[in-house]
């Protein structure tokens, strides 16, 4: 465990630790530093209103989105199978905007802010540019739930395309529908054309930056389409612990809220000028109750200020 007193972690210290783990590259995001800005459309399903009255989900809109590769290193190889893929997207109009951030694992790597800081501090490189693996292993042994995310990624083949990856919202969101009924949902964003993965041999043959060109080819062919799903809660589901999946999450009842079609690239500045702020949620989708979500709102703003 961390030597620091409990309760010491802040959003600012998390951002600093994320940057330190990546070697403090300047003017990039603290997390998911490598990415590509895109545009598209969102079309709601006829069942969206059963789950949420949020007009960002029940009305068609343009979409600004960003695909990314995890970590704070903007030069990470696309063939690195230890880091997440990310997908952030803005739905709705100026009055009813929701920013949704999803990633290629259904859980986060820490339950609390203190645990997240200690996890990161254990991985800050030493003078040789590498983390102290003794420290990392000791932390993992004392905090086994922090391995849930890494174990999930390790059990799966390398994503072969950003357009063929399933993305998860790790938080439990309170959703209020048109009848004013509220329940918890989790977001799951599923490629309409199915998963695209690479074998180890395939991955070795790929260049370090293959994802951008692959995405461009698929956009040009009209093949970048995702179904935005809401996984429905059951009594007793853990809503406060983002390191845990809901029981039988892969076979849950789910409702398709709508479909996102990505239609082109946008200049990086279109995504970099502001942030995909998880706290931006139009009425009908509430803020998840867990500690990590509460910290993300401030952390994204701090990271943006550091980038500038």
C-alpha atoms as a PDB file:
ATOM      1  CA  UNK A   1       0.000   0.000   0.000  1.00  0.00           C
ATOM      2  CA  UNK A   2       1.018   3.613  -0.356  1.00  0.00           C
ATOM      3  CA  UNK A   3       3.050   5.205   2.426  1.00  0.00           C
ATOM      4  CA  UNK A   4       1.015   8.389   2.193  1.00  0.00           C
ATOM      5  CA  UNK A   5      -1.778   9.059   4.678  1.00  0.00           C
ATOM      6  CA  UNK A   6      -5.268   8.064   3.582  1.00  0.00           C
ATOM      7  CA  UNK A   7      -7.352  10.803   2.000  1.00  0.00           C
ATOM      8  CA  UNK A   8      -4.345  12.566   0.476  1.00  0.00           C
ATOM      9  CA  UNK A   9      -5.183  11.984  -3.184  1.00  0.00           C
ATOM     10  CA  UNK A  10      -6.663  14.838  -5.203  1.00  0.00           C
ATOM     11  CA  UNK A  11      -7.600  15.146  -8.879  1.00  0.00           C
ATOM     12  CA  UNK A  12      -4.484  17.302  -9.365  1.00  0.00           C
ATOM     13  CA  UNK A  13      -2.193  14.681  -7.801  1.00  0.00           C
ATOM     14  CA  UNK A  14      -3.763  12.002 -10.021  1.00  0.00           C
ATOM     15  CA  UNK A  15      -3.047  14.063 -13.151  1.00  0.00           C
ATOM     16  CA  UNK A  16       0.554  14.633 -12.005  1.00  0.00           C
ATOM     17  CA  UNK A  17       1.005  10.900 -11.363  1.00  0.00           C
ATOM     18  CA  UNK A  18      -0.466   9.923 -14.741  1.00  0.00           C
ATOM     19  CA  UNK A  19       1.978  12.320 -16.417  1.00  0.00           C
ATOM     20  CA  UNK A  20       4.915  11.016 -14.366  1.00  0.00           C
ATOM     21  CA  UNK A  21       4.167   7.381 -15.286  1.00  0.00           C
ATOM     22  CA  UNK A  22       4.349   8.395 -18.965  1.00  0.00           C
ATOM     23  CA  UNK A  23       7.603  10.338 -18.495  1.00  0.00           C
ATOM     24  CA  UNK A  24       5.964  13.798 -18.453  1.00  0.00           C
ATOM     25  CA  UNK A  25       5.494  14.400 -22.200  1.00  0.00           C
ATOM     26  CA  UNK A  26       4.520  18.061 -22.733  1.00  0.00           C
ATOM     27  CA  UNK A  27       1.196  19.403 -24.047  1.00  0.00           C
ATOM     28  CA  UNK A  28      -0.660  16.104 -24.287  1.00  0.00           C
ATOM     29  CA  UNK A  29      -3.524  14.529 -22.385  1.00  0.00           C
ATOM     30  CA  UNK A  30      -2.631  12.875 -19.090  1.00  0.00           C
ATOM     31  CA  UNK A  31      -4.398   9.742 -20.297  1.00  0.00           C
ATOM     32  CA  UNK A  32      -5.279   8.421 -23.767  1.00  0.00           C
ATOM     33  CA  UNK A  33      -2.722  10.871 -25.158  1.00  0.00           C
ATOM     34  CA  UNK A  34      -2.610   9.286 -28.631  1.00  0.00           C
ATOM     35  CA  UNK A  35      -5.822   9.736 -30.571  1.00  0.00           C
ATOM     36  CA  UNK A  36      -7.760  10.874 -33.617  1.00  0.00           C
ATOM     37  CA  UNK A  37     -10.675  13.285 -33.849  1.00  0.00           C
ATOM     38  CA  UNK A  38     -13.678  12.224 -35.945  1.00  0.00           C
ATOM     39  CA  UNK A  39     -17.228  13.300 -36.734  1.00  0.00           C
ATOM     40  CA  UNK A  40     -20.444  11.406 -37.339  1.00  0.00           C
ATOM     41  CA  UNK A  41     -24.138  11.089 -36.649  1.00  0.00           C
ATOM     42  CA  UNK A  42     -26.303   9.620 -33.905  1.00  0.00           C
ATOM     43  CA  UNK A  43     -29.740   8.127 -34.588  1.00  0.00           C
ATOM     44  CA  UNK A  44     -31.871   7.083 -31.581  1.00  0.00           C
ATOM     45  CA  UNK A  45     -33.767   3.807 -31.424  1.00  0.00           C
ATOM     46  CA  UNK A  46     -37.510   3.743 -30.726  1.00  0.00           C
ATOM     47  CA  UNK A  47     -36.720   2.351 -27.258  1.00  0.00           C
ATOM     48  CA  UNK A  48     -34.336   5.056 -26.072  1.00  0.00           C
ATOM     49  CA  UNK A  49     -37.118   6.884 -24.190  1.00  0.00           C
ATOM     50  CA  UNK A  50     -37.913   3.715 -22.218  1.00  0.00           C
ATOM     51  CA  UNK A  51     -34.494   4.095 -20.576  1.00  0.00           C
ATOM     52  CA  UNK A  52     -33.798   7.836 -20.516  1.00  0.00           C
ATOM     53  CA  UNK A  53     -35.607  11.080 -21.236  1.00  0.00           C
ATOM     54  CA  UNK A  54     -32.209  12.654 -22.051  1.00  0.00           C
ATOM     55  CA  UNK A  55     -32.665  14.491 -25.337  1.00  0.00           C
ATOM     56  CA  UNK A  56     -29.047  13.780 -26.222  1.00  0.00           C
ATOM     57  CA  UNK A  57     -30.111  10.118 -26.516  1.00  0.00           C
ATOM     58  CA  UNK A  58     -33.711  10.414 -27.746  1.00  0.00           C
ATOM     59  CA  UNK A  59     -33.066  12.857 -30.625  1.00  0.00           C
ATOM     60  CA  UNK A  60     -30.820  12.553 -33.685  1.00  0.00           C
ATOM     61  CA  UNK A  61     -27.690  14.688 -33.579  1.00  0.00           C
ATOM     62  CA  UNK A  62     -24.285  15.276 -35.016  1.00  0.00           C
ATOM     63  CA  UNK A  63     -21.431  13.608 -33.169  1.00  0.00           C
ATOM     64  CA  UNK A  64     -17.919  14.824 -32.358  1.00  0.00           C
ATOM     65  CA  UNK A  65     -15.779  11.937 -31.182  1.00  0.00           C
ATOM     66  CA  UNK A  66     -12.222  10.843 -30.483  1.00  0.00           C
ATOM     67  CA  UNK A  67     -10.712   7.386 -30.722  1.00  0.00           C
ATOM     68  CA  UNK A  68      -7.578   6.844 -28.668  1.00  0.00           C
ATOM     69  CA  UNK A  69      -4.929   4.481 -27.359  1.00  0.00           C
ATOM     70  CA  UNK A  70      -4.456   4.327 -23.590  1.00  0.00           C
ATOM     71  CA  UNK A  71      -1.727   5.795 -21.424  1.00  0.00           C
ATOM     72  CA  UNK A  72      -0.023   9.165 -21.356  1.00  0.00           C
ATOM     73  CA  UNK A  73       2.539   8.425 -24.087  1.00  0.00           C
ATOM     74  CA  UNK A  74       1.487   9.974 -27.431  1.00  0.00           C
ATOM     75  CA  UNK A  75       3.921   7.666 -29.228  1.00  0.00           C
ATOM     76  CA  UNK A  76       2.627   4.366 -27.818  1.00  0.00           C
ATOM     77  CA  UNK A  77       2.562   1.602 -30.452  1.00  0.00           C
ATOM     78  CA  UNK A  78      -0.854   0.521 -31.703  1.00  0.00           C
ATOM     79  CA  UNK A  79       0.400  -3.052 -31.336  1.00  0.00           C
ATOM     80  CA  UNK A  80       0.836  -2.652 -27.554  1.00  0.00           C
ATOM     81  CA  UNK A  81      -1.601  -5.169 -26.094  1.00  0.00           C
ATOM     82  CA  UNK A  82      -1.297  -3.906 -22.507  1.00  0.00           C
ATOM     83  CA  UNK A  83      -3.075  -0.566 -22.996  1.00  0.00           C
ATOM     84  CA  UNK A  84      -6.717   0.264 -23.505  1.00  0.00           C
ATOM     85  CA  UNK A  85      -8.452   1.643 -26.565  1.00  0.00           C
ATOM     86  CA  UNK A  86     -10.720   4.606 -25.842  1.00  0.00           C
ATOM     87  CA  UNK A  87     -13.748   6.218 -27.478  1.00  0.00           C
ATOM     88  CA  UNK A  88     -15.165   9.552 -26.307  1.00  0.00           C
ATOM     89  CA  UNK A  89     -18.178  11.112 -28.003  1.00  0.00           C
ATOM     90  CA  UNK A  90     -20.416  14.170 -27.671  1.00  0.00           C
ATOM     91  CA  UNK A  91     -24.122  13.740 -28.409  1.00  0.00           C
ATOM     92  CA  UNK A  92     -26.945  16.262 -28.622  1.00  0.00           C
ATOM     93  CA  UNK A  93     -27.031  20.022 -29.084  1.00  0.00           C
ATOM     94  CA  UNK A  94     -25.807  22.920 -26.953  1.00  0.00           C
ATOM     95  CA  UNK A  95     -28.831  22.706 -24.643  1.00  0.00           C
ATOM     96  CA  UNK A  96     -28.804  18.923 -24.282  1.00  0.00           C
ATOM     97  CA  UNK A  97     -25.164  17.846 -24.486  1.00  0.00           C
ATOM     98  CA  UNK A  98     -23.835  14.560 -23.126  1.00  0.00           C
ATOM     99  CA  UNK A  99     -20.167  13.553 -23.214  1.00  0.00           C
ATOM    100  CA  UNK A 100     -19.722   9.789 -22.920  1.00  0.00           C
ATOM    101  CA  UNK A 101     -16.312   8.182 -22.367  1.00  0.00           C
ATOM    102  CA  UNK A 102     -15.931   4.456 -22.896  1.00  0.00           C
ATOM    103  CA  UNK A 103     -12.926   2.150 -23.076  1.00  0.00           C
ATOM    104  CA  UNK A 104     -12.023  -1.380 -24.120  1.00  0.00           C
ATOM    105  CA  UNK A 105     -12.395  -2.895 -20.628  1.00  0.00           C
ATOM    106  CA  UNK A 106     -15.518  -3.020 -18.442  1.00  0.00           C
ATOM    107  CA  UNK A 107     -13.719  -2.050 -15.211  1.00  0.00           C
ATOM    108  CA  UNK A 108     -11.363   0.651 -13.921  1.00  0.00           C
ATOM    109  CA  UNK A 109      -8.028  -0.136 -12.278  1.00  0.00           C
ATOM    110  CA  UNK A 110      -8.808   1.424  -8.890  1.00  0.00           C
ATOM    111  CA  UNK A 111     -11.783   1.658  -6.560  1.00  0.00           C
ATOM    112  CA  UNK A 112     -10.898   4.900  -4.763  1.00  0.00           C
ATOM    113  CA  UNK A 113      -8.838   7.973  -5.498  1.00  0.00           C
ATOM    114  CA  UNK A 114      -6.246   7.022  -2.866  1.00  0.00           C
ATOM    115  CA  UNK A 115      -5.902   3.578  -4.404  1.00  0.00           C
ATOM    116  CA  UNK A 116      -5.576   5.079  -7.893  1.00  0.00           C
ATOM    117  CA  UNK A 117      -2.786   7.393  -6.759  1.00  0.00           C
ATOM    118  CA  UNK A 118      -0.929   4.559  -5.012  1.00  0.00           C
ATOM    119  CA  UNK A 119      -1.322   2.353  -8.116  1.00  0.00           C
ATOM    120  CA  UNK A 120       0.213   5.056 -10.303  1.00  0.00           C
ATOM    121  CA  UNK A 121       2.980   5.993  -7.863  1.00  0.00           C
ATOM    122  CA  UNK A 122       4.103   2.359  -7.744  1.00  0.00           C
ATOM    123  CA  UNK A 123       4.591   2.542 -11.529  1.00  0.00           C
ATOM    124  CA  UNK A 124       6.494   5.835 -11.855  1.00  0.00           C
ATOM    125  CA  UNK A 125       9.781   5.029 -13.638  1.00  0.00           C
ATOM    126  CA  UNK A 126      13.076   5.281 -11.793  1.00  0.00           C
ATOM    127  CA  UNK A 127      16.306   6.752 -13.144  1.00  0.00           C
ATOM    128  CA  UNK A 128      16.634   3.777 -15.512  1.00  0.00           C
ATOM    129  CA  UNK A 129      13.307   4.695 -17.110  1.00  0.00           C
ATOM    130  CA  UNK A 130      11.559   1.589 -15.746  1.00  0.00           C
ATOM    131  CA  UNK A 131       9.207   1.081 -12.807  1.00  0.00           C
ATOM    132  CA  UNK A 132      10.396  -0.904  -9.768  1.00  0.00           C
ATOM    133  CA  UNK A 133       8.647  -4.249 -10.354  1.00  0.00           C
ATOM    134  CA  UNK A 134       9.108  -5.259  -6.715  1.00  0.00           C
ATOM    135  CA  UNK A 135       7.052  -2.242  -5.707  1.00  0.00           C
ATOM    136  CA  UNK A 136       4.432  -2.968  -8.396  1.00  0.00           C
ATOM    137  CA  UNK A 137       4.060  -6.613  -7.334  1.00  0.00           C
ATOM    138  CA  UNK A 138       3.790  -5.700  -3.648  1.00  0.00           C
ATOM    139  CA  UNK A 139       1.063  -3.175  -4.415  1.00  0.00           C
ATOM    140  CA  UNK A 140      -0.832  -5.655  -6.600  1.00  0.00           C
ATOM    141  CA  UNK A 141      -0.639  -8.348  -3.915  1.00  0.00           C
ATOM    142  CA  UNK A 142      -2.095  -5.950  -1.349  1.00  0.00           C
ATOM    143  CA  UNK A 143      -4.725  -4.633  -3.803  1.00  0.00           C
ATOM    144  CA  UNK A 144      -5.795  -7.585  -5.986  1.00  0.00           C
ATOM    145  CA  UNK A 145      -8.847  -5.796  -7.413  1.00  0.00           C
ATOM    146  CA  UNK A 146      -6.483  -3.376  -9.198  1.00  0.00           C
ATOM    147  CA  UNK A 147      -5.506  -6.277 -11.500  1.00  0.00           C
ATOM    148  CA  UNK A 148      -9.070  -6.850 -12.772  1.00  0.00           C
ATOM    149  CA  UNK A 149      -8.650  -4.460 -15.690  1.00  0.00           C
ATOM    150  CA  UNK A 150      -5.224  -5.770 -16.746  1.00  0.00           C
ATOM    151  CA  UNK A 151      -6.440  -9.372 -16.475  1.00  0.00           C
ATOM    152  CA  UNK A 152      -9.410  -8.569 -18.716  1.00  0.00           C
ATOM    153  CA  UNK A 153      -7.148  -7.027 -21.373  1.00  0.00           C
ATOM    154  CA  UNK A 154      -4.600  -9.869 -21.146  1.00  0.00           C
ATOM    155  CA  UNK A 155      -7.314 -12.496 -21.747  1.00  0.00           C
ATOM    156  CA  UNK A 156      -8.286 -10.924 -25.082  1.00  0.00           C
ATOM    157  CA  UNK A 157      -6.698 -10.731 -28.507  1.00  0.00           C
ATOM    158  CA  UNK A 158      -5.212  -7.420 -29.647  1.00  0.00           C
ATOM    159  CA  UNK A 159      -7.849  -5.110 -31.176  1.00  0.00           C
ATOM    160  CA  UNK A 160      -7.329  -5.066 -34.936  1.00  0.00           C
ATOM    161  CA  UNK A 161      -9.359  -1.923 -35.546  1.00  0.00           C
ATOM    162  CA  UNK A 162     -10.828   0.941 -33.551  1.00  0.00           C
ATOM    163  CA  UNK A 163     -13.981   0.275 -35.583  1.00  0.00           C
ATOM    164  CA  UNK A 164     -14.115  -3.358 -34.426  1.00  0.00           C
ATOM    165  CA  UNK A 165     -13.690  -2.895 -30.679  1.00  0.00           C
ATOM    166  CA  UNK A 166     -16.333  -3.077 -27.936  1.00  0.00           C
ATOM    167  CA  UNK A 167     -16.135  -0.146 -25.539  1.00  0.00           C
ATOM    168  CA  UNK A 168     -17.496  -0.014 -21.990  1.00  0.00           C
ATOM    169  CA  UNK A 169     -18.519   2.730 -19.591  1.00  0.00           C
ATOM    170  CA  UNK A 170     -17.146   1.435 -16.293  1.00  0.00           C
ATOM    171  CA  UNK A 171     -19.529   3.503 -14.143  1.00  0.00           C
ATOM    172  CA  UNK A 172     -23.155   2.861 -13.127  1.00  0.00           C
ATOM    173  CA  UNK A 173     -25.226   5.787 -14.430  1.00  0.00           C
ATOM    174  CA  UNK A 174     -28.657   6.627 -12.987  1.00  0.00           C
ATOM    175  CA  UNK A 175     -31.008   6.917 -15.985  1.00  0.00           C
ATOM    176  CA  UNK A 176     -34.464   8.505 -15.702  1.00  0.00           C
ATOM    177  CA  UNK A 177     -36.981   7.713 -18.423  1.00  0.00           C
ATOM    178  CA  UNK A 178     -39.982   9.551 -19.840  1.00  0.00           C
ATOM    179  CA  UNK A 179     -42.214   8.060 -17.097  1.00  0.00           C
ATOM    180  CA  UNK A 180     -39.847   9.529 -14.465  1.00  0.00           C
ATOM    181  CA  UNK A 181     -38.603   6.067 -13.464  1.00  0.00           C
ATOM    182  CA  UNK A 182     -34.915   5.860 -12.502  1.00  0.00           C
ATOM    183  CA  UNK A 183     -32.645   2.826 -12.647  1.00  0.00           C
ATOM    184  CA  UNK A 184     -28.909   2.247 -13.072  1.00  0.00           C
ATOM    185  CA  UNK A 185     -27.453   1.456 -16.494  1.00  0.00           C
ATOM    186  CA  UNK A 186     -23.981   0.833 -17.861  1.00  0.00           C
ATOM    187  CA  UNK A 187     -23.020   1.987 -21.343  1.00  0.00           C
ATOM    188  CA  UNK A 188     -21.679  -0.579 -23.789  1.00  0.00           C
ATOM    189  CA  UNK A 189     -20.761   0.552 -27.317  1.00  0.00           C
ATOM    190  CA  UNK A 190     -20.689  -2.387 -29.715  1.00  0.00           C
ATOM    191  CA  UNK A 191     -19.314  -2.433 -33.287  1.00  0.00           C
ATOM    192  CA  UNK A 192     -22.206  -3.266 -35.618  1.00  0.00           C
ATOM    193  CA  UNK A 193     -19.898  -5.332 -37.822  1.00  0.00           C
ATOM    194  CA  UNK A 194     -18.520  -7.394 -34.945  1.00  0.00           C
ATOM    195  CA  UNK A 195     -15.147  -7.563 -33.213  1.00  0.00           C
ATOM    196  CA  UNK A 196     -11.930  -7.317 -35.239  1.00  0.00           C
ATOM    197  CA  UNK A 197      -8.865  -8.813 -33.557  1.00  0.00           C
ATOM    198  CA  UNK A 198      -5.293  -9.727 -34.494  1.00  0.00           C
ATOM    199  CA  UNK A 199      -3.304 -12.841 -33.732  1.00  0.00           C
ATOM    200  CA  UNK A 200       0.187 -12.365 -32.302  1.00  0.00           C
ATOM    201  CA  UNK A 201       1.659 -13.120 -35.730  1.00  0.00           C
ATOM    202  CA  UNK A 202      -0.678 -10.595 -37.409  1.00  0.00           C
ATOM    203  CA  UNK A 203       0.245  -7.972 -34.823  1.00  0.00           C
ATOM    204  CA  UNK A 204       3.981  -8.450 -35.408  1.00  0.00           C
ATOM    205  CA  UNK A 205       3.456  -7.683 -39.096  1.00  0.00           C
ATOM    206  CA  UNK A 206       1.601  -4.424 -38.413  1.00  0.00           C
ATOM    207  CA  UNK A 207       3.303  -1.002 -38.274  1.00  0.00           C
ATOM    208  CA  UNK A 208       3.305   0.813 -34.926  1.00  0.00           C
ATOM    209  CA  UNK A 209       0.725   3.309 -36.195  1.00  0.00           C
ATOM    210  CA  UNK A 210      -1.673   1.127 -38.170  1.00  0.00           C
ATOM    211  CA  UNK A 211      -4.907   2.156 -36.428  1.00  0.00           C
ATOM    212  CA  UNK A 212      -5.288   5.573 -38.106  1.00  0.00           C
ATOM    213  CA  UNK A 213      -5.006   4.232 -41.654  1.00  0.00           C
ATOM    214  CA  UNK A 214      -7.265   1.280 -40.850  1.00  0.00           C
ATOM    215  CA  UNK A 215      -9.886   3.657 -39.481  1.00  0.00           C
ATOM    216  CA  UNK A 216      -9.672   5.865 -42.569  1.00  0.00           C
ATOM    217  CA  UNK A 217     -10.176   2.894 -44.881  1.00  0.00           C
ATOM    218  CA  UNK A 218     -13.219   1.724 -42.942  1.00  0.00           C
ATOM    219  CA  UNK A 219     -14.729   5.223 -42.736  1.00  0.00           C
ATOM    220  CA  UNK A 220     -14.374   5.592 -46.518  1.00  0.00           C
ATOM    221  CA  UNK A 221     -16.206   2.284 -46.975  1.00  0.00           C
ATOM    222  CA  UNK A 222     -18.996   3.371 -44.600  1.00  0.00           C
ATOM    223  CA  UNK A 223     -18.183   0.607 -42.137  1.00  0.00           C
ATOM    224  CA  UNK A 224     -17.695   2.478 -38.854  1.00  0.00           C
ATOM    225  CA  UNK A 225     -21.009   1.974 -37.078  1.00  0.00           C
ATOM    226  CA  UNK A 226     -21.669   1.338 -33.394  1.00  0.00           C
ATOM    227  CA  UNK A 227     -24.737   0.407 -31.384  1.00  0.00           C
ATOM    228  CA  UNK A 228     -24.958   2.336 -28.101  1.00  0.00           C
ATOM    229  CA  UNK A 229     -26.362  -0.122 -25.581  1.00  0.00           C
ATOM    230  CA  UNK A 230     -27.683   0.321 -22.044  1.00  0.00           C
ATOM    231  CA  UNK A 231     -27.042  -2.655 -19.769  1.00  0.00           C
ATOM    232  CA  UNK A 232     -29.889  -2.832 -17.238  1.00  0.00           C
ATOM    233  CA  UNK A 233     -29.322  -3.154 -13.504  1.00  0.00           C
ATOM    234  CA  UNK A 234     -30.589  -5.822 -11.144  1.00  0.00           C
ATOM    235  CA  UNK A 235     -31.146  -5.502  -7.378  1.00  0.00           C
ATOM    236  CA  UNK A 236     -27.887  -5.686  -5.450  1.00  0.00           C
ATOM    237  CA  UNK A 237     -25.570  -4.709  -8.293  1.00  0.00           C
ATOM    238  CA  UNK A 238     -22.381  -2.938  -7.160  1.00  0.00           C
ATOM    239  CA  UNK A 239     -22.768   0.703  -8.190  1.00  0.00           C
ATOM    240  CA  UNK A 240     -19.931   2.209  -6.122  1.00  0.00           C
ATOM    241  CA  UNK A 241     -17.016  -0.072  -7.058  1.00  0.00           C
ATOM    242  CA  UNK A 242     -15.702   0.477 -10.603  1.00  0.00           C
ATOM    243  CA  UNK A 243     -13.205  -2.410 -10.296  1.00  0.00           C
ATOM    244  CA  UNK A 244     -16.111  -4.905 -10.213  1.00  0.00           C
ATOM    245  CA  UNK A 245     -18.345  -6.056 -13.040  1.00  0.00           C
ATOM    246  CA  UNK A 246     -22.029  -6.617 -12.461  1.00  0.00           C
ATOM    247  CA  UNK A 247     -22.882 -10.318 -12.053  1.00  0.00           C
ATOM    248  CA  UNK A 248     -23.425 -12.030 -15.426  1.00  0.00           C
ATOM    249  CA  UNK A 249     -22.786  -8.690 -17.150  1.00  0.00           C
ATOM    250  CA  UNK A 250     -22.154 -10.309 -20.536  1.00  0.00           C
ATOM    251  CA  UNK A 251     -25.622 -11.896 -20.596  1.00  0.00           C
ATOM    252  CA  UNK A 252     -27.551  -8.940 -19.142  1.00  0.00           C
ATOM    253  CA  UNK A 253     -30.784  -7.526 -20.472  1.00  0.00           C
ATOM    254  CA  UNK A 254     -29.783  -4.590 -22.647  1.00  0.00           C
ATOM    255  CA  UNK A 255     -31.536  -1.949 -24.715  1.00  0.00           C
ATOM    256  CA  UNK A 256     -30.171  -0.287 -27.835  1.00  0.00           C
ATOM    257  CA  UNK A 257     -30.354   3.464 -27.228  1.00  0.00           C
ATOM    258  CA  UNK A 258     -29.199   4.387 -30.727  1.00  0.00           C
ATOM    259  CA  UNK A 259     -26.554   4.069 -33.411  1.00  0.00           C
ATOM    260  CA  UNK A 260     -23.429   6.127 -34.077  1.00  0.00           C
ATOM    261  CA  UNK A 261     -22.017   6.245 -37.618  1.00  0.00           C
ATOM    262  CA  UNK A 262     -18.544   7.791 -38.011  1.00  0.00           C
ATOM    263  CA  UNK A 263     -18.352   9.656 -41.334  1.00  0.00           C
ATOM    264  CA  UNK A 264     -14.960  11.395 -41.398  1.00  0.00           C
ATOM    265  CA  UNK A 265     -11.879  12.700 -39.642  1.00  0.00           C
ATOM    266  CA  UNK A 266     -11.805  16.126 -38.014  1.00  0.00           C
ATOM    267  CA  UNK A 267      -8.674  18.242 -37.347  1.00  0.00           C
ATOM    268  CA  UNK A 268      -7.166  17.407 -33.939  1.00  0.00           C
ATOM    269  CA  UNK A 269      -7.938  20.950 -32.826  1.00  0.00           C
ATOM    270  CA  UNK A 270     -11.671  20.223 -33.048  1.00  0.00           C
ATOM    271  CA  UNK A 271     -11.262  17.754 -30.174  1.00  0.00           C
ATOM    272  CA  UNK A 272      -8.295  19.397 -28.435  1.00  0.00           C
ATOM    273  CA  UNK A 273      -9.880  22.843 -28.057  1.00  0.00           C
ATOM    274  CA  UNK A 274     -11.979  21.580 -25.154  1.00  0.00           C
ATOM    275  CA  UNK A 275     -12.465  18.300 -23.309  1.00  0.00           C
ATOM    276  CA  UNK A 276     -14.792  15.363 -23.386  1.00  0.00           C
ATOM    277  CA  UNK A 277     -16.021  16.077 -19.878  1.00  0.00           C
ATOM    278  CA  UNK A 278     -17.752  13.089 -18.244  1.00  0.00           C
ATOM    279  CA  UNK A 279     -19.703  15.530 -16.047  1.00  0.00           C
ATOM    280  CA  UNK A 280     -21.526  16.890 -19.138  1.00  0.00           C
ATOM    281  CA  UNK A 281     -24.726  14.832 -19.023  1.00  0.00           C
ATOM    282  CA  UNK A 282     -28.070  16.129 -20.263  1.00  0.00           C
ATOM    283  CA  UNK A 283     -31.088  15.724 -17.950  1.00  0.00           C
ATOM    284  CA  UNK A 284     -32.144  12.070 -17.903  1.00  0.00           C
ATOM    285  CA  UNK A 285     -28.639  10.661 -17.293  1.00  0.00           C
ATOM    286  CA  UNK A 286     -27.303  11.395 -13.823  1.00  0.00           C
ATOM    287  CA  UNK A 287     -23.809  11.377 -12.375  1.00  0.00           C
ATOM    288  CA  UNK A 288     -22.618   7.952 -11.187  1.00  0.00           C
ATOM    289  CA  UNK A 289     -22.252   7.805  -7.381  1.00  0.00           C
ATOM    290  CA  UNK A 290     -18.722   6.383  -7.224  1.00  0.00           C
ATOM    291  CA  UNK A 291     -15.651   8.259  -6.011  1.00  0.00           C
ATOM    292  CA  UNK A 292     -13.665   7.893  -9.237  1.00  0.00           C
ATOM    293  CA  UNK A 293     -16.348   9.590 -11.343  1.00  0.00           C
ATOM    294  CA  UNK A 294     -16.537  12.540  -8.931  1.00  0.00           C
ATOM    295  CA  UNK A 295     -12.785  13.096  -9.341  1.00  0.00           C
ATOM    296  CA  UNK A 296     -12.767  12.823 -13.134  1.00  0.00           C
ATOM    297  CA  UNK A 297     -14.708  16.068 -13.584  1.00  0.00           C
ATOM    298  CA  UNK A 298     -11.933  18.136 -11.998  1.00  0.00           C
ATOM    299  CA  UNK A 299      -9.116  15.998 -13.400  1.00  0.00           C
ATOM    300  CA  UNK A 300     -10.116  16.593 -17.031  1.00  0.00           C
ATOM    301  CA  UNK A 301     -10.168  20.363 -16.497  1.00  0.00           C
ATOM    302  CA  UNK A 302      -6.746  20.290 -14.794  1.00  0.00           C
ATOM    303  CA  UNK A 303      -5.314  18.174 -17.604  1.00  0.00           C
ATOM    304  CA  UNK A 304      -6.626  20.613 -20.217  1.00  0.00           C
ATOM    305  CA  UNK A 305      -4.969  23.545 -18.416  1.00  0.00           C
ATOM    306  CA  UNK A 306      -1.646  21.663 -18.309  1.00  0.00           C
ATOM    307  CA  UNK A 307      -1.889  20.862 -22.043  1.00  0.00           C
ATOM    308  CA  UNK A 308      -2.166  24.531 -22.850  1.00  0.00           C
END
